[in-house]
Amino acid sequence: QKAVHKKLVKPHRGFIMFGPPGTGKSEIMSKLATKIGIQMVGPPLAAGELNRPLV
């Protein structure tokens, strides 16, 4: 059991919120991140960046 457990890889933890603009997605995440003491990371919102594939 321990040998198998050592070979497992922990997945990155995170999620993507999807929805129309102005529904409070960023506001909710910002407040949640502040509350639990983590850094929020988001894609840049400059013109043209929303169509660029995330890598």
N, C-alpha and C. Protein backbone atom coordinates (compact mmCIF):
# COMPACT_ATOMS: atom_id res chain seq x y z
N GLN A 1 0.84 -1.20 0.00
CA GLN A 1 0.00 0.00 0.00
C GLN A 1 0.88 1.26 0.00
N LYS A 2 1.91 1.30 0.84
CA LYS A 2 2.77 2.48 0.91
C LYS A 2 3.53 2.70 -0.40
N ALA A 3 3.97 1.61 -1.05
CA ALA A 3 4.69 1.74 -2.32
C ALA A 3 3.80 2.35 -3.39
N VAL A 4 2.55 1.96 -3.42
CA VAL A 4 1.60 2.51 -4.38
C VAL A 4 1.33 3.97 -4.06
N HIS A 5 1.17 4.29 -2.79
CA HIS A 5 0.86 5.66 -2.37
C HIS A 5 2.00 6.62 -2.73
N LYS A 6 3.24 6.17 -2.66
CA LYS A 6 4.39 7.02 -2.99
C LYS A 6 4.42 7.40 -4.47
N LYS A 7 3.87 6.56 -5.33
CA LYS A 7 3.89 6.81 -6.77
C LYS A 7 2.76 7.72 -7.24
N LEU A 8 1.79 7.96 -6.40
CA LEU A 8 0.67 8.81 -6.78
C LEU A 8 1.11 10.27 -6.84
N VAL A 9 0.58 11.00 -7.79
CA VAL A 9 0.89 12.41 -7.96
C VAL A 9 -0.32 13.22 -7.53
N LYS A 10 -0.09 14.21 -6.69
CA LYS A 10 -1.19 15.07 -6.26
C LYS A 10 -1.55 16.03 -7.39
N PRO A 11 -2.82 16.11 -7.75
CA PRO A 11 -3.22 17.05 -8.80
C PRO A 11 -3.16 18.48 -8.30
N HIS A 12 -3.00 19.42 -9.23
CA HIS A 12 -3.07 20.83 -8.86
C HIS A 12 -4.49 21.12 -8.39
N ARG A 13 -4.59 21.93 -7.39
CA ARG A 13 -5.92 22.26 -6.88
C ARG A 13 -6.33 23.62 -7.40
N GLY A 14 -7.49 23.68 -7.94
CA GLY A 14 -8.00 24.93 -8.49
C GLY A 14 -9.24 24.65 -9.30
N PHE A 15 -9.87 25.69 -9.74
CA PHE A 15 -11.04 25.53 -10.58
C PHE A 15 -11.25 26.78 -11.40
N ILE A 16 -12.06 26.65 -12.41
CA ILE A 16 -12.38 27.77 -13.29
C ILE A 16 -13.85 28.09 -13.12
N MET A 17 -14.14 29.36 -12.90
CA MET A 17 -15.54 29.79 -12.81
C MET A 17 -15.94 30.33 -14.18
N PHE A 18 -17.14 29.98 -14.61
CA PHE A 18 -17.63 30.37 -15.92
C PHE A 18 -19.00 30.99 -15.78
N GLY A 19 -19.23 32.05 -16.49
CA GLY A 19 -20.55 32.68 -16.47
C GLY A 19 -20.49 34.04 -17.14
N PRO A 20 -21.65 34.64 -17.30
CA PRO A 20 -21.69 35.95 -17.96
C PRO A 20 -21.01 37.02 -17.13
N PRO A 21 -20.52 38.08 -17.78
CA PRO A 21 -19.87 39.16 -17.04
C PRO A 21 -20.84 39.86 -16.09
N GLY A 22 -20.28 40.33 -14.99
CA GLY A 22 -21.08 41.11 -14.05
C GLY A 22 -21.87 40.31 -13.04
N THR A 23 -21.57 39.01 -12.91
CA THR A 23 -22.33 38.19 -11.96
C THR A 23 -21.62 38.00 -10.63
N GLY A 24 -20.41 38.57 -10.48
CA GLY A 24 -19.72 38.55 -9.19
C GLY A 24 -18.73 37.41 -9.00
N LYS A 25 -18.31 36.76 -10.07
CA LYS A 25 -17.37 35.64 -9.94
C LYS A 25 -16.05 36.09 -9.31
N SER A 26 -15.48 37.15 -9.84
CA SER A 26 -14.20 37.64 -9.32
C SER A 26 -14.33 38.16 -7.90
N GLU A 27 -15.42 38.81 -7.61
CA GLU A 27 -15.65 39.35 -6.26
C GLU A 27 -15.73 38.23 -5.23
N ILE A 28 -16.46 37.17 -5.55
CA ILE A 28 -16.58 36.03 -4.65
C ILE A 28 -15.22 35.39 -4.41
N MET A 29 -14.46 35.18 -5.51
CA MET A 29 -13.16 34.54 -5.37
C MET A 29 -12.17 35.41 -4.61
N SER A 30 -12.20 36.71 -4.83
CA SER A 30 -11.31 37.62 -4.13
C SER A 30 -11.57 37.59 -2.62
N LYS A 31 -12.83 37.64 -2.25
CA LYS A 31 -13.18 37.61 -0.83
C LYS A 31 -12.84 36.26 -0.20
N LEU A 32 -13.09 35.17 -0.93
CA LEU A 32 -12.76 33.85 -0.42
C LEU A 32 -11.25 33.68 -0.23
N ALA A 33 -10.48 34.13 -1.22
CA ALA A 33 -9.02 34.03 -1.13
C ALA A 33 -8.49 34.82 0.06
N THR A 34 -9.02 36.02 0.27
CA THR A 34 -8.61 36.83 1.41
C THR A 34 -8.98 36.13 2.72
N LYS A 35 -10.15 35.57 2.77
CA LYS A 35 -10.65 34.91 3.99
C LYS A 35 -9.78 33.72 4.40
N ILE A 36 -9.37 32.91 3.41
CA ILE A 36 -8.59 31.72 3.76
C ILE A 36 -7.08 31.92 3.61
N GLY A 37 -6.68 33.13 3.21
CA GLY A 37 -5.25 33.47 3.19
C GLY A 37 -4.46 32.89 2.03
N ILE A 38 -5.07 32.82 0.86
CA ILE A 38 -4.34 32.34 -0.31
C ILE A 38 -4.33 33.42 -1.39
N GLN A 39 -3.47 33.24 -2.38
CA GLN A 39 -3.36 34.21 -3.46
C GLN A 39 -4.28 33.79 -4.61
N MET A 40 -5.03 34.74 -5.12
CA MET A 40 -5.90 34.48 -6.26
C MET A 40 -5.13 34.78 -7.54
N VAL A 41 -5.20 33.88 -8.51
CA VAL A 41 -4.53 34.06 -9.78
C VAL A 41 -5.58 34.02 -10.88
N GLY A 42 -5.52 34.99 -11.78
CA GLY A 42 -6.47 35.04 -12.89
C GLY A 42 -5.79 35.45 -14.16
N PRO A 43 -6.39 35.15 -15.30
CA PRO A 43 -5.78 35.54 -16.57
C PRO A 43 -5.86 37.04 -16.77
N PRO A 44 -4.92 37.62 -17.52
CA PRO A 44 -4.99 39.06 -17.81
C PRO A 44 -6.22 39.38 -18.65
N LEU A 45 -6.82 40.52 -18.40
CA LEU A 45 -8.04 40.88 -19.10
C LEU A 45 -7.81 41.94 -20.18
N ALA A 46 -6.58 42.08 -20.64
CA ALA A 46 -6.28 43.05 -21.70
C ALA A 46 -6.96 42.61 -23.00
N ALA A 47 -7.17 43.55 -23.88
CA ALA A 47 -7.83 43.25 -25.16
C ALA A 47 -7.09 42.15 -25.90
N GLY A 48 -7.80 41.16 -26.34
CA GLY A 48 -7.21 40.06 -27.08
C GLY A 48 -6.75 38.91 -26.23
N GLU A 49 -6.59 39.10 -24.94
CA GLU A 49 -6.10 38.04 -24.07
C GLU A 49 -7.15 36.96 -23.84
N LEU A 50 -8.42 37.30 -23.92
CA LEU A 50 -9.46 36.31 -23.65
C LEU A 50 -9.54 35.25 -24.73
N ASN A 51 -9.04 35.54 -25.93
CA ASN A 51 -9.06 34.56 -27.01
C ASN A 51 -7.78 33.75 -27.10
N ARG A 52 -6.80 34.10 -26.29
CA ARG A 52 -5.52 33.39 -26.30
C ARG A 52 -5.66 32.10 -25.50
N PRO A 53 -5.18 30.96 -26.01
CA PRO A 53 -5.32 29.71 -25.27
C PRO A 53 -4.50 29.75 -23.98
N LEU A 54 -5.07 29.18 -22.93
CA LEU A 54 -4.36 29.07 -21.66
C LEU A 54 -3.41 27.90 -21.73
N VAL A 55 -2.19 28.09 -21.27
CA VAL A 55 -1.19 27.02 -21.32
C VAL A 55 -0.81 26.65 -19.92
